[in-house]
Amino acid sequence: MEPGGEREPVTICGYESRYDQILETALNEYADVPCSDYYRDGYNLALRMKEYREAHLLFLHDSRVPATNNLAGRLLRFIKRKQNPAVSLRSIKSLELLCDSMSVLFLMRKEGGSLYDKVSTVFG
């Protein structure tokens, strides 16, 4: 599915029914076999799929919502490098300031041109 494209109601219904089939299969499997430590991840995933169904399928109904969160993950990757925090935040205020400044930098980068020139214009 392309971002911003129109989605056919039949296609949406097909994706929703497939999601429901997968969820039903998972819940039936875990109903027969009690959840053990070995199956806990799958069981927890099935419960999350049931609880957050509307959020998981929101991209089908709202074309502004991306189908994946790859961009969000990529934008936050600088904070963690190989599971070790690269940035130490000591308060919520510092987190807000970091997010605000990073969003400005990402928007400047997205506009094109020299990022250095744009930042030096702001601070110069």
PDB file of N, CA and C in Angstrom:
ATOM      1  N   MET A   1       0.840  -1.177   0.000  1.00  0.00           N
ATOM      2  CA  MET A   1       0.000   0.000   0.000  1.00  0.00           C
ATOM      3  C   MET A   1       0.879   1.232   0.000  1.00  0.00           C
ATOM      4  N   GLU A   2       0.538   2.130  -0.860  1.00  0.00           N
ATOM      5  CA  GLU A   2       1.320   3.347  -0.953  1.00  0.00           C
ATOM      6  C   GLU A   2       0.798   4.390   0.030  1.00  0.00           C
ATOM      7  N   PRO A   3       1.701   5.146   0.655  1.00  0.00           N
ATOM      8  CA  PRO A   3       1.258   6.187   1.582  1.00  0.00           C
ATOM      9  C   PRO A   3       0.427   7.234   0.849  1.00  0.00           C
ATOM     10  N   GLY A   4      -0.674   7.617   1.449  1.00  0.00           N
ATOM     11  CA  GLY A   4      -1.525   8.640   0.866  1.00  0.00           C
ATOM     12  C   GLY A   4      -2.446   8.132  -0.221  1.00  0.00           C
ATOM     13  N   GLY A   5      -2.305   6.867  -0.617  1.00  0.00           N
ATOM     14  CA  GLY A   5      -3.153   6.313  -1.662  1.00  0.00           C
ATOM     15  C   GLY A   5      -4.513   5.901  -1.127  1.00  0.00           C
ATOM     16  N   GLU A   6      -5.473   5.830  -2.044  1.00  0.00           N
ATOM     17  CA  GLU A   6      -6.815   5.394  -1.660  1.00  0.00           C
ATOM     18  C   GLU A   6      -6.813   3.892  -1.432  1.00  0.00           C
ATOM     19  N   ARG A   7      -7.552   3.475  -0.452  1.00  0.00           N
ATOM     20  CA  ARG A   7      -7.632   2.061  -0.131  1.00  0.00           C
ATOM     21  C   ARG A   7      -9.046   1.578  -0.408  1.00  0.00           C
ATOM     22  N   GLU A   8      -9.135   0.480  -1.124  1.00  0.00           N
ATOM     23  CA  GLU A   8     -10.429  -0.110  -1.460  1.00  0.00           C
ATOM     24  C   GLU A   8     -11.037  -0.730  -0.206  1.00  0.00           C
ATOM     25  N   PRO A   9     -12.328  -0.540   0.018  1.00  0.00           N
ATOM     26  CA  PRO A   9     -12.974  -1.154   1.186  1.00  0.00           C
ATOM     27  C   PRO A   9     -12.846  -2.678   1.199  1.00  0.00           C
ATOM     28  N   VAL A  10     -12.852  -3.292   0.022  1.00  0.00           N
ATOM     29  CA  VAL A  10     -12.715  -4.752  -0.051  1.00  0.00           C
ATOM     30  C   VAL A  10     -11.322  -5.176   0.420  1.00  0.00           C
ATOM     31  N   THR A  11     -10.305  -4.418   0.023  1.00  0.00           N
ATOM     32  CA  THR A  11      -8.931  -4.715   0.433  1.00  0.00           C
ATOM     33  C   THR A  11      -8.777  -4.545   1.937  1.00  0.00           C
ATOM     34  N   ILE A  12      -9.338  -3.469   2.470  1.00  0.00           N
ATOM     35  CA  ILE A  12      -9.273  -3.225   3.915  1.00  0.00           C
ATOM     36  C   ILE A  12      -9.934  -4.364   4.667  1.00  0.00           C
ATOM     37  N   CYS A  13     -11.099  -4.768   4.193  1.00  0.00           N
ATOM     38  CA  CYS A  13     -11.831  -5.862   4.841  1.00  0.00           C
ATOM     39  C   CYS A  13     -11.017  -7.157   4.791  1.00  0.00           C
ATOM     40  N   GLY A  14     -10.325  -7.389   3.681  1.00  0.00           N
ATOM     41  CA  GLY A  14      -9.489  -8.580   3.554  1.00  0.00           C
ATOM     42  C   GLY A  14      -8.348  -8.598   4.556  1.00  0.00           C
ATOM     43  N   TYR A  15      -7.674  -7.456   4.702  1.00  0.00           N
ATOM     44  CA  TYR A  15      -6.580  -7.368   5.672  1.00  0.00           C
ATOM     45  C   TYR A  15      -7.083  -7.540   7.104  1.00  0.00           C
ATOM     46  N   GLU A  16      -8.220  -6.924   7.401  1.00  0.00           N
ATOM     47  CA  GLU A  16      -8.775  -7.051   8.751  1.00  0.00           C
ATOM     48  C   GLU A  16      -9.185  -8.489   9.054  1.00  0.00           C
ATOM     49  N   SER A  17      -9.785  -9.162   8.083  1.00  0.00           N
ATOM     50  CA  SER A  17     -10.199 -10.553   8.328  1.00  0.00           C
ATOM     51  C   SER A  17      -8.981 -11.458   8.479  1.00  0.00           C
ATOM     52  N   ARG A  18      -7.918 -11.202   7.707  1.00  0.00           N
ATOM     53  CA  ARG A  18      -6.693 -12.005   7.857  1.00  0.00           C
ATOM     54  C   ARG A  18      -6.065 -11.778   9.229  1.00  0.00           C
ATOM     55  N   TYR A  19      -6.043 -10.540   9.689  1.00  0.00           N
ATOM     56  CA  TYR A  19      -5.536 -10.215  11.029  1.00  0.00           C
ATOM     57  C   TYR A  19      -6.332 -10.984  12.081  1.00  0.00           C
ATOM     58  N   ASP A  20      -7.660 -10.957  11.928  1.00  0.00           N
ATOM     59  CA  ASP A  20      -8.525 -11.655  12.886  1.00  0.00           C
ATOM     60  C   ASP A  20      -8.309 -13.167  12.850  1.00  0.00           C
ATOM     61  N   GLN A  21      -8.061 -13.726  11.656  1.00  0.00           N
ATOM     62  CA  GLN A  21      -7.786 -15.165  11.546  1.00  0.00           C
ATOM     63  C   GLN A  21      -6.500 -15.529  12.277  1.00  0.00           C
ATOM     64  N   ILE A  22      -5.471 -14.731  12.073  1.00  0.00           N
ATOM     65  CA  ILE A  22      -4.187 -14.985  12.746  1.00  0.00           C
ATOM     66  C   ILE A  22      -4.357 -14.892  14.251  1.00  0.00           C
ATOM     67  N   LEU A  23      -5.074 -13.873  14.706  1.00  0.00           N
ATOM     68  CA  LEU A  23      -5.308 -13.696  16.134  1.00  0.00           C
ATOM     69  C   LEU A  23      -6.123 -14.851  16.708  1.00  0.00           C
ATOM     70  N   GLU A  24      -7.145 -15.275  15.991  1.00  0.00           N
ATOM     71  CA  GLU A  24      -7.974 -16.386  16.461  1.00  0.00           C
ATOM     72  C   GLU A  24      -7.169 -17.679  16.550  1.00  0.00           C
ATOM     73  N   THR A  25      -6.321 -17.928  15.556  1.00  0.00           N
ATOM     74  CA  THR A  25      -5.461 -19.115  15.581  1.00  0.00           C
ATOM     75  C   THR A  25      -4.543 -19.083  16.794  1.00  0.00           C
ATOM     76  N   ALA A  26      -3.941 -17.943  17.048  1.00  0.00           N
ATOM     77  CA  ALA A  26      -3.024 -17.822  18.186  1.00  0.00           C
ATOM     78  C   ALA A  26      -3.753 -18.040  19.504  1.00  0.00           C
ATOM     79  N   LEU A  27      -4.899 -17.403  19.662  1.00  0.00           N
ATOM     80  CA  LEU A  27      -5.639 -17.543  20.921  1.00  0.00           C
ATOM     81  C   LEU A  27      -6.143 -18.970  21.118  1.00  0.00           C
ATOM     82  N   ASN A  28      -6.531 -19.643  20.032  1.00  0.00           N
ATOM     83  CA  ASN A  28      -6.958 -21.047  20.139  1.00  0.00           C
ATOM     84  C   ASN A  28      -5.799 -21.949  20.536  1.00  0.00           C
ATOM     85  N   GLU A  29      -4.624 -21.683  19.981  1.00  0.00           N
ATOM     86  CA  GLU A  29      -3.439 -22.478  20.331  1.00  0.00           C
ATOM     87  C   GLU A  29      -3.107 -22.325  21.810  1.00  0.00           C
ATOM     88  N   TYR A  30      -3.160 -21.097  22.291  1.00  0.00           N
ATOM     89  CA  TYR A  30      -2.810 -20.868  23.693  1.00  0.00           C
ATOM     90  C   TYR A  30      -3.928 -21.280  24.639  1.00  0.00           C
ATOM     91  N   ALA A  31      -5.155 -21.428  24.140  1.00  0.00           N
ATOM     92  CA  ALA A  31      -6.246 -21.940  24.978  1.00  0.00           C
ATOM     93  C   ALA A  31      -6.045 -23.425  25.252  1.00  0.00           C
ATOM     94  N   ASP A  32      -5.494 -24.150  24.263  1.00  0.00           N
ATOM     95  CA  ASP A  32      -5.262 -25.588  24.405  1.00  0.00           C
ATOM     96  C   ASP A  32      -4.025 -25.891  25.240  1.00  0.00           C
ATOM     97  N   VAL A  33      -2.992 -25.089  25.050  1.00  0.00           N
ATOM     98  CA  VAL A  33      -1.720 -25.315  25.743  1.00  0.00           C
ATOM     99  C   VAL A  33      -1.505 -24.158  26.711  1.00  0.00           C
ATOM    100  N   PRO A  34      -1.406 -24.438  27.995  1.00  0.00           N
ATOM    101  CA  PRO A  34      -1.181 -23.341  28.946  1.00  0.00           C
ATOM    102  C   PRO A  34       0.131 -22.617  28.646  1.00  0.00           C
ATOM    103  N   CYS A  35       0.133 -21.349  28.914  1.00  0.00           N
ATOM    104  CA  CYS A  35       1.306 -20.526  28.647  1.00  0.00           C
ATOM    105  C   CYS A  35       2.450 -20.918  29.579  1.00  0.00           C
ATOM    106  N   SER A  36       3.585 -21.250  28.990  1.00  0.00           N
ATOM    107  CA  SER A  36       4.779 -21.556  29.776  1.00  0.00           C
ATOM    108  C   SER A  36       5.827 -20.491  29.471  1.00  0.00           C
ATOM    109  N   ASP A  37       6.954 -20.572  30.138  1.00  0.00           N
ATOM    110  CA  ASP A  37       8.023 -19.611  29.878  1.00  0.00           C
ATOM    111  C   ASP A  37       8.486 -19.684  28.430  1.00  0.00           C
ATOM    112  N   TYR A  38       8.441 -20.881  27.830  1.00  0.00           N
ATOM    113  CA  TYR A  38       8.900 -21.068  26.459  1.00  0.00           C
ATOM    114  C   TYR A  38       7.991 -20.327  25.476  1.00  0.00           C
ATOM    115  N   TYR A  39       6.697 -20.305  25.736  1.00  0.00           N
ATOM    116  CA  TYR A  39       5.734 -19.701  24.820  1.00  0.00           C
ATOM    117  C   TYR A  39       5.286 -18.304  25.250  1.00  0.00           C
ATOM    118  N   ARG A  40       5.885 -17.748  26.267  1.00  0.00           N
ATOM    119  CA  ARG A  40       5.406 -16.487  26.822  1.00  0.00           C
ATOM    120  C   ARG A  40       5.440 -15.342  25.806  1.00  0.00           C
ATOM    121  N   ASP A  41       6.488 -15.240  24.984  1.00  0.00           N
ATOM    122  CA  ASP A  41       6.579 -14.144  24.013  1.00  0.00           C
ATOM    123  C   ASP A  41       5.424 -14.193  23.016  1.00  0.00           C
ATOM    124  N   GLY A  42       5.140 -15.375  22.498  1.00  0.00           N
ATOM    125  CA  GLY A  42       4.040 -15.520  21.547  1.00  0.00           C
ATOM    126  C   GLY A  42       2.694 -15.242  22.186  1.00  0.00           C
ATOM    127  N   TYR A  43       2.527 -15.694  23.406  1.00  0.00           N
ATOM    128  CA  TYR A  43       1.276 -15.462  24.126  1.00  0.00           C
ATOM    129  C   TYR A  43       1.069 -13.972  24.381  1.00  0.00           C
ATOM    130  N   ASN A  44       2.119 -13.309  24.819  1.00  0.00           N
ATOM    131  CA  ASN A  44       2.033 -11.865  25.063  1.00  0.00           C
ATOM    132  C   ASN A  44       1.752 -11.101  23.768  1.00  0.00           C
ATOM    133  N   LEU A  45       2.347 -11.556  22.659  1.00  0.00           N
ATOM    134  CA  LEU A  45       2.081 -10.929  21.369  1.00  0.00           C
ATOM    135  C   LEU A  45       0.612 -11.081  20.989  1.00  0.00           C
ATOM    136  N   ALA A  46       0.059 -12.266  21.203  1.00  0.00           N
ATOM    137  CA  ALA A  46      -1.357 -12.491  20.893  1.00  0.00           C
ATOM    138  C   ALA A  46      -2.248 -11.581  21.734  1.00  0.00           C
ATOM    139  N   LEU A  47      -1.914 -11.417  22.998  1.00  0.00           N
ATOM    140  CA  LEU A  47      -2.710 -10.529  23.853  1.00  0.00           C
ATOM    141  C   LEU A  47      -2.611  -9.072  23.396  1.00  0.00           C
ATOM    142  N   ARG A  48      -1.395  -8.652  22.992  1.00  0.00           N
ATOM    143  CA  ARG A  48      -1.231  -7.284  22.495  1.00  0.00           C
ATOM    144  C   ARG A  48      -1.984  -7.080  21.184  1.00  0.00           C
ATOM    145  N   MET A  49      -1.963  -8.099  20.321  1.00  0.00           N
ATOM    146  CA  MET A  49      -2.700  -8.002  19.058  1.00  0.00           C
ATOM    147  C   MET A  49      -4.192  -7.832  19.315  1.00  0.00           C
ATOM    148  N   LYS A  50      -4.689  -8.524  20.318  1.00  0.00           N
ATOM    149  CA  LYS A  50      -6.113  -8.421  20.648  1.00  0.00           C
ATOM    150  C   LYS A  50      -6.426  -7.045  21.237  1.00  0.00           C
ATOM    151  N   GLU A  51      -5.582  -6.580  22.146  1.00  0.00           N
ATOM    152  CA  GLU A  51      -5.841  -5.318  22.839  1.00  0.00           C
ATOM    153  C   GLU A  51      -5.676  -4.105  21.931  1.00  0.00           C
ATOM    154  N   TYR A  52      -4.679  -4.140  21.044  1.00  0.00           N
ATOM    155  CA  TYR A  52      -4.356  -2.970  20.227  1.00  0.00           C
ATOM    156  C   TYR A  52      -4.728  -3.152  18.758  1.00  0.00           C
ATOM    157  N   ARG A  53      -5.756  -3.923  18.479  1.00  0.00           N
ATOM    158  CA  ARG A  53      -6.157  -4.211  17.100  1.00  0.00           C
ATOM    159  C   ARG A  53      -6.390  -2.926  16.306  1.00  0.00           C
ATOM    160  N   GLU A  54      -7.136  -2.003  16.860  1.00  0.00           N
ATOM    161  CA  GLU A  54      -7.457  -0.759  16.147  1.00  0.00           C
ATOM    162  C   GLU A  54      -6.190   0.045  15.836  1.00  0.00           C
ATOM    163  N   ALA A  55      -5.269   0.106  16.775  1.00  0.00           N
ATOM    164  CA  ALA A  55      -4.027   0.854  16.550  1.00  0.00           C
ATOM    165  C   ALA A  55      -3.158   0.166  15.502  1.00  0.00           C
ATOM    166  N   HIS A  56      -3.119  -1.172  15.517  1.00  0.00           N
ATOM    167  CA  HIS A  56      -2.311  -1.908  14.547  1.00  0.00           C
ATOM    168  C   HIS A  56      -2.833  -1.733  13.129  1.00  0.00           C
ATOM    169  N   LEU A  57      -4.144  -1.602  12.978  1.00  0.00           N
ATOM    170  CA  LEU A  57      -4.748  -1.509  11.648  1.00  0.00           C
ATOM    171  C   LEU A  57      -5.132  -0.080  11.263  1.00  0.00           C
ATOM    172  N   LEU A  58      -4.709   0.893  12.033  1.00  0.00           N
ATOM    173  CA  LEU A  58      -5.076   2.283  11.763  1.00  0.00           C
ATOM    174  C   LEU A  58      -4.595   2.748  10.395  1.00  0.00           C
ATOM    175  N   PHE A  59      -3.440   2.257   9.939  1.00  0.00           N
ATOM    176  CA  PHE A  59      -2.904   2.690   8.651  1.00  0.00           C
ATOM    177  C   PHE A  59      -3.823   2.314   7.496  1.00  0.00           C
ATOM    178  N   LEU A  60      -4.698   1.328   7.694  1.00  0.00           N
ATOM    179  CA  LEU A  60      -5.639   0.951   6.640  1.00  0.00           C
ATOM    180  C   LEU A  60      -6.726   2.008   6.452  1.00  0.00           C
ATOM    181  N   HIS A  61      -7.087   2.685   7.515  1.00  0.00           N
ATOM    182  CA  HIS A  61      -8.198   3.633   7.479  1.00  0.00           C
ATOM    183  C   HIS A  61      -7.753   5.084   7.345  1.00  0.00           C
ATOM    184  N   ASP A  62      -6.543   5.395   7.778  1.00  0.00           N
ATOM    185  CA  ASP A  62      -6.035   6.767   7.733  1.00  0.00           C
ATOM    186  C   ASP A  62      -4.744   6.779   6.923  1.00  0.00           C
ATOM    187  N   SER A  63      -4.783   7.409   5.756  1.00  0.00           N
ATOM    188  CA  SER A  63      -3.626   7.378   4.854  1.00  0.00           C
ATOM    189  C   SER A  63      -2.439   8.179   5.388  1.00  0.00           C
ATOM    190  N   ARG A  64      -2.641   8.986   6.423  1.00  0.00           N
ATOM    191  CA  ARG A  64      -1.524   9.746   7.002  1.00  0.00           C
ATOM    192  C   ARG A  64      -0.648   8.886   7.899  1.00  0.00           C
ATOM    193  N   VAL A  65      -1.164   7.734   8.318  1.00  0.00           N
ATOM    194  CA  VAL A  65      -0.429   6.848   9.221  1.00  0.00           C
ATOM    195  C   VAL A  65       0.409   5.887   8.384  1.00  0.00           C
ATOM    196  N   PRO A  66       1.731   5.852   8.597  1.00  0.00           N
ATOM    197  CA  PRO A  66       2.559   4.916   7.831  1.00  0.00           C
ATOM    198  C   PRO A  66       2.313   3.476   8.278  1.00  0.00           C
ATOM    199  N   ALA A  67       2.526   2.545   7.354  1.00  0.00           N
ATOM    200  CA  ALA A  67       2.303   1.132   7.659  1.00  0.00           C
ATOM    201  C   ALA A  67       3.376   0.585   8.595  1.00  0.00           C
ATOM    202  N   THR A  68       4.541   1.199   8.614  1.00  0.00           N
ATOM    203  CA  THR A  68       5.613   0.749   9.503  1.00  0.00           C
ATOM    204  C   THR A  68       6.084   1.927  10.345  1.00  0.00           C
ATOM    205  N   ASN A  69       6.826   1.628  11.387  1.00  0.00           N
ATOM    206  CA  ASN A  69       7.392   2.694  12.210  1.00  0.00           C
ATOM    207  C   ASN A  69       8.892   2.806  11.964  1.00  0.00           C
ATOM    208  N   ASN A  70       9.331   2.474  10.757  1.00  0.00           N
ATOM    209  CA  ASN A  70      10.755   2.522  10.439  1.00  0.00           C
ATOM    210  C   ASN A  70      11.333   3.922  10.624  1.00  0.00           C
ATOM    211  N   LEU A  71      10.588   4.943  10.211  1.00  0.00           N
ATOM    212  CA  LEU A  71      11.095   6.309  10.345  1.00  0.00           C
ATOM    213  C   LEU A  71      11.277   6.679  11.810  1.00  0.00           C
ATOM    214  N   ALA A  72      10.315   6.331  12.643  1.00  0.00           N
ATOM    215  CA  ALA A  72      10.425   6.636  14.073  1.00  0.00           C
ATOM    216  C   ALA A  72      11.627   5.925  14.682  1.00  0.00           C
ATOM    217  N   GLY A  73      11.828   4.679  14.319  1.00  0.00           N
ATOM    218  CA  GLY A  73      12.981   3.937  14.833  1.00  0.00           C
ATOM    219  C   GLY A  73      14.292   4.526  14.364  1.00  0.00           C
ATOM    220  N   ARG A  74      14.328   4.928  13.099  1.00  0.00           N
ATOM    221  CA  ARG A  74      15.552   5.499  12.547  1.00  0.00           C
ATOM    222  C   ARG A  74      15.879   6.838  13.207  1.00  0.00           C
ATOM    223  N   LEU A  75      14.854   7.639  13.487  1.00  0.00           N
ATOM    224  CA  LEU A  75      15.098   8.942  14.101  1.00  0.00           C
ATOM    225  C   LEU A  75      15.550   8.820  15.552  1.00  0.00           C
ATOM    226  N   LEU A  76      15.160   7.754  16.224  1.00  0.00           N
ATOM    227  CA  LEU A  76      15.549   7.581  17.628  1.00  0.00           C
ATOM    228  C   LEU A  76      16.804   6.731  17.806  1.00  0.00           C
ATOM    229  N   ARG A  77      17.330   6.204  16.720  1.00  0.00           N
ATOM    230  CA  ARG A  77      18.473   5.302  16.821  1.00  0.00           C
ATOM    231  C   ARG A  77      19.715   5.978  17.384  1.00  0.00           C
ATOM    232  N   PHE A  78      19.845   7.284  17.209  1.00  0.00           N
ATOM    233  CA  PHE A  78      21.046   7.967  17.706  1.00  0.00           C
ATOM    234  C   PHE A  78      21.119   7.939  19.229  1.00  0.00           C
ATOM    235  N   ILE A  79      19.987   7.763  19.895  1.00  0.00           N
ATOM    236  CA  ILE A  79      19.988   7.748  21.359  1.00  0.00           C
ATOM    237  C   ILE A  79      20.614   6.465  21.889  1.00  0.00           C
ATOM    238  N   LYS A  80      20.397   5.354  21.190  1.00  0.00           N
ATOM    239  CA  LYS A  80      20.955   4.079  21.646  1.00  0.00           C
ATOM    240  C   LYS A  80      21.893   3.529  20.585  1.00  0.00           C
ATOM    241  N   ARG A  81      23.059   3.180  20.997  1.00  0.00           N
ATOM    242  CA  ARG A  81      24.034   2.545  20.107  1.00  0.00           C
ATOM    243  C   ARG A  81      24.391   1.190  20.696  1.00  0.00           C
ATOM    244  N   LYS A  82      24.053   0.131  19.999  1.00  0.00           N
ATOM    245  CA  LYS A  82      24.341  -1.241  20.442  1.00  0.00           C
ATOM    246  C   LYS A  82      23.846  -1.482  21.860  1.00  0.00           C
ATOM    247  N   GLN A  83      22.617  -1.061  22.120  1.00  0.00           N
ATOM    248  CA  GLN A  83      21.924  -1.259  23.391  1.00  0.00           C
ATOM    249  C   GLN A  83      22.533  -0.492  24.562  1.00  0.00           C
ATOM    250  N   ASN A  84      23.507   0.356  24.318  1.00  0.00           N
ATOM    251  CA  ASN A  84      24.047   1.216  25.372  1.00  0.00           C
ATOM    252  C   ASN A  84      23.578   2.642  25.109  1.00  0.00           C
ATOM    253  N   PRO A  85      23.051   3.310  26.099  1.00  0.00           N
ATOM    254  CA  PRO A  85      22.579   4.680  25.863  1.00  0.00           C
ATOM    255  C   PRO A  85      23.721   5.584  25.423  1.00  0.00           C
ATOM    256  N   ALA A  86      23.510   6.308  24.327  1.00  0.00           N
ATOM    257  CA  ALA A  86      24.504   7.265  23.851  1.00  0.00           C
ATOM    258  C   ALA A  86      24.233   8.649  24.421  1.00  0.00           C
ATOM    259  N   VAL A  87      23.029   8.843  24.955  1.00  0.00           N
ATOM    260  CA  VAL A  87      22.626  10.130  25.512  1.00  0.00           C
ATOM    261  C   VAL A  87      22.093   9.886  26.913  1.00  0.00           C
ATOM    262  N   SER A  88      22.514  10.703  27.860  1.00  0.00           N
ATOM    263  CA  SER A  88      22.025  10.582  29.230  1.00  0.00           C
ATOM    264  C   SER A  88      21.090  11.746  29.525  1.00  0.00           C
ATOM    265  N   LEU A  89      19.842  11.423  29.816  1.00  0.00           N
ATOM    266  CA  LEU A  89      18.843  12.447  30.110  1.00  0.00           C
ATOM    267  C   LEU A  89      18.490  12.371  31.585  1.00  0.00           C
ATOM    268  N   ARG A  90      18.592  13.490  32.268  1.00  0.00           N
ATOM    269  CA  ARG A  90      18.374  13.490  33.709  1.00  0.00           C
ATOM    270  C   ARG A  90      17.011  14.039  34.119  1.00  0.00           C
ATOM    271  N   SER A  91      16.255  14.549  33.155  1.00  0.00           N
ATOM    272  CA  SER A  91      14.922  15.055  33.488  1.00  0.00           C
ATOM    273  C   SER A  91      14.043  15.026  32.241  1.00  0.00           C
ATOM    274  N   ILE A  92      12.753  15.156  32.450  1.00  0.00           N
ATOM    275  CA  ILE A  92      11.807  15.214  31.339  1.00  0.00           C
ATOM    276  C   ILE A  92      12.040  16.477  30.512  1.00  0.00           C
ATOM    277  N   LYS A  93      12.404  17.553  31.177  1.00  0.00           N
ATOM    278  CA  LYS A  93      12.663  18.812  30.469  1.00  0.00           C
ATOM    279  C   LYS A  93      13.821  18.654  29.489  1.00  0.00           C
ATOM    280  N   SER A  94      14.882  17.957  29.891  1.00  0.00           N
ATOM    281  CA  SER A  94      16.008  17.761  28.977  1.00  0.00           C
ATOM    282  C   SER A  94      15.601  16.872  27.803  1.00  0.00           C
ATOM    283  N   LEU A  95      14.717  15.911  28.037  1.00  0.00           N
ATOM    284  CA  LEU A  95      14.206  15.077  26.951  1.00  0.00           C
ATOM    285  C   LEU A  95      13.397  15.918  25.968  1.00  0.00           C
ATOM    286  N   GLU A  96      12.558  16.805  26.491  1.00  0.00           N
ATOM    287  CA  GLU A  96      11.765  17.685  25.625  1.00  0.00           C
ATOM    288  C   GLU A  96      12.664  18.589  24.790  1.00  0.00           C
ATOM    289  N   LEU A  97      13.701  19.142  25.414  1.00  0.00           N
ATOM    290  CA  LEU A  97      14.630  20.004  24.682  1.00  0.00           C
ATOM    291  C   LEU A  97      15.371  19.232  23.600  1.00  0.00           C
ATOM    292  N   LEU A  98      15.789  18.009  23.914  1.00  0.00           N
ATOM    293  CA  LEU A  98      16.473  17.183  22.927  1.00  0.00           C
ATOM    294  C   LEU A  98      15.550  16.885  21.748  1.00  0.00           C
ATOM    295  N   CYS A  99      14.317  16.495  22.031  1.00  0.00           N
ATOM    296  CA  CYS A  99      13.365  16.179  20.960  1.00  0.00           C
ATOM    297  C   CYS A  99      13.067  17.402  20.102  1.00  0.00           C
ATOM    298  N   ASP A 100      12.892  18.554  20.735  1.00  0.00           N
ATOM    299  CA  ASP A 100      12.631  19.782  19.978  1.00  0.00           C
ATOM    300  C   ASP A 100      13.801  20.130  19.067  1.00  0.00           C
ATOM    301  N   SER A 101      15.008  20.085  19.610  1.00  0.00           N
ATOM    302  CA  SER A 101      16.172  20.453  18.803  1.00  0.00           C
ATOM    303  C   SER A 101      16.422  19.443  17.689  1.00  0.00           C
ATOM    304  N   MET A 102      16.229  18.157  17.971  1.00  0.00           N
ATOM    305  CA  MET A 102      16.426  17.148  16.928  1.00  0.00           C
ATOM    306  C   MET A 102      15.373  17.273  15.831  1.00  0.00           C
ATOM    307  N   SER A 103      14.137  17.606  16.194  1.00  0.00           N
ATOM    308  CA  SER A 103      13.106  17.764  15.165  1.00  0.00           C
ATOM    309  C   SER A 103      13.423  18.951  14.259  1.00  0.00           C
ATOM    310  N   VAL A 104      13.960  20.034  14.828  1.00  0.00           N
ATOM    311  CA  VAL A 104      14.358  21.180  14.009  1.00  0.00           C
ATOM    312  C   VAL A 104      15.481  20.777  13.062  1.00  0.00           C
ATOM    313  N   LEU A 105      16.468  20.045  13.566  1.00  0.00           N
ATOM    314  CA  LEU A 105      17.584  19.615  12.715  1.00  0.00           C
ATOM    315  C   LEU A 105      17.124  18.666  11.613  1.00  0.00           C
ATOM    316  N   PHE A 106      16.227  17.743  11.928  1.00  0.00           N
ATOM    317  CA  PHE A 106      15.739  16.813  10.911  1.00  0.00           C
ATOM    318  C   PHE A 106      14.931  17.541   9.842  1.00  0.00           C
ATOM    319  N   LEU A 107      14.144  18.544  10.253  1.00  0.00           N
ATOM    320  CA  LEU A 107      13.395  19.322   9.263  1.00  0.00           C
ATOM    321  C   LEU A 107      14.337  20.124   8.374  1.00  0.00           C
ATOM    322  N   MET A 108      15.386  20.700   8.956  1.00  0.00           N
ATOM    323  CA  MET A 108      16.371  21.437   8.162  1.00  0.00           C
ATOM    324  C   MET A 108      17.051  20.505   7.164  1.00  0.00           C
ATOM    325  N   ARG A 109      17.391  19.309   7.605  1.00  0.00           N
ATOM    326  CA  ARG A 109      18.042  18.343   6.728  1.00  0.00           C
ATOM    327  C   ARG A 109      17.098  17.921   5.607  1.00  0.00           C
ATOM    328  N   LYS A 110      15.829  17.765   5.932  1.00  0.00           N
ATOM    329  CA  LYS A 110      14.845  17.324   4.943  1.00  0.00           C
ATOM    330  C   LYS A 110      14.629  18.377   3.859  1.00  0.00           C
ATOM    331  N   GLU A 111      14.742  19.662   4.223  1.00  0.00           N
ATOM    332  CA  GLU A 111      14.566  20.741   3.252  1.00  0.00           C
ATOM    333  C   GLU A 111      15.679  20.764   2.213  1.00  0.00           C
ATOM    334  N   GLY A 112      16.805  20.165   2.521  1.00  0.00           N
ATOM    335  CA  GLY A 112      17.927  20.156   1.593  1.00  0.00           C
ATOM    336  C   GLY A 112      18.864  21.326   1.853  1.00  0.00           C
ATOM    337  N   GLY A 113      19.939  21.368   1.103  1.00  0.00           N
ATOM    338  CA  GLY A 113      20.924  22.426   1.301  1.00  0.00           C
ATOM    339  C   GLY A 113      21.897  22.058   2.409  1.00  0.00           C
ATOM    340  N   SER A 114      22.699  23.020   2.760  1.00  0.00           N
ATOM    341  CA  SER A 114      23.731  22.800   3.765  1.00  0.00           C
ATOM    342  C   SER A 114      23.150  22.944   5.172  1.00  0.00           C
ATOM    343  N   LEU A 115      23.216  21.882   5.926  1.00  0.00           N
ATOM    344  CA  LEU A 115      22.734  21.912   7.302  1.00  0.00           C
ATOM    345  C   LEU A 115      23.589  22.860   8.140  1.00  0.00           C
ATOM    346  N   TYR A 116      24.887  22.860   7.880  1.00  0.00           N
ATOM    347  CA  TYR A 116      25.795  23.751   8.611  1.00  0.00           C
ATOM    348  C   TYR A 116      25.411  25.215   8.393  1.00  0.00           C
ATOM    349  N   ASP A 117      25.141  25.585   7.142  1.00  0.00           N
ATOM    350  CA  ASP A 117      24.767  26.973   6.849  1.00  0.00           C
ATOM    351  C   ASP A 117      23.466  27.355   7.543  1.00  0.00           C
ATOM    352  N   LYS A 118      22.503  26.453   7.551  1.00  0.00           N
ATOM    353  CA  LYS A 118      21.213  26.748   8.182  1.00  0.00           C
ATOM    354  C   LYS A 118      21.359  26.916   9.692  1.00  0.00           C
ATOM    355  N   VAL A 119      22.132  26.038  10.328  1.00  0.00           N
ATOM    356  CA  VAL A 119      22.328  26.136  11.775  1.00  0.00           C
ATOM    357  C   VAL A 119      23.135  27.385  12.112  1.00  0.00           C
ATOM    358  N   SER A 120      24.159  27.685  11.324  1.00  0.00           N
ATOM    359  CA  SER A 120      24.967  28.881  11.598  1.00  0.00           C
ATOM    360  C   SER A 120      24.153  30.156  11.388  1.00  0.00           C
ATOM    361  N   THR A 121      23.166  30.127  10.497  1.00  0.00           N
ATOM    362  CA  THR A 121      22.281  31.280  10.320  1.00  0.00           C
ATOM    363  C   THR A 121      21.426  31.492  11.567  1.00  0.00           C
ATOM    364  N   VAL A 122      20.954  30.400  12.146  1.00  0.00           N
ATOM    365  CA  VAL A 122      20.124  30.497  13.346  1.00  0.00           C
ATOM    366  C   VAL A 122      20.934  31.039  14.514  1.00  0.00           C
ATOM    367  N   PHE A 123      22.160  30.527  14.695  1.00  0.00           N
ATOM    368  CA  PHE A 123      22.971  30.922  15.845  1.00  0.00           C
ATOM    369  C   PHE A 123      23.913  32.080  15.547  1.00  0.00           C
ATOM    370  N   GLY A 124      24.044  32.452  14.282  1.00  0.00           N
ATOM    371  CA  GLY A 124      25.012  33.483  13.918  1.00  0.00           C
ATOM    372  C   GLY A 124      24.434  34.803  13.870  1.00  0.00           C
TER     373      GLY A 124
END
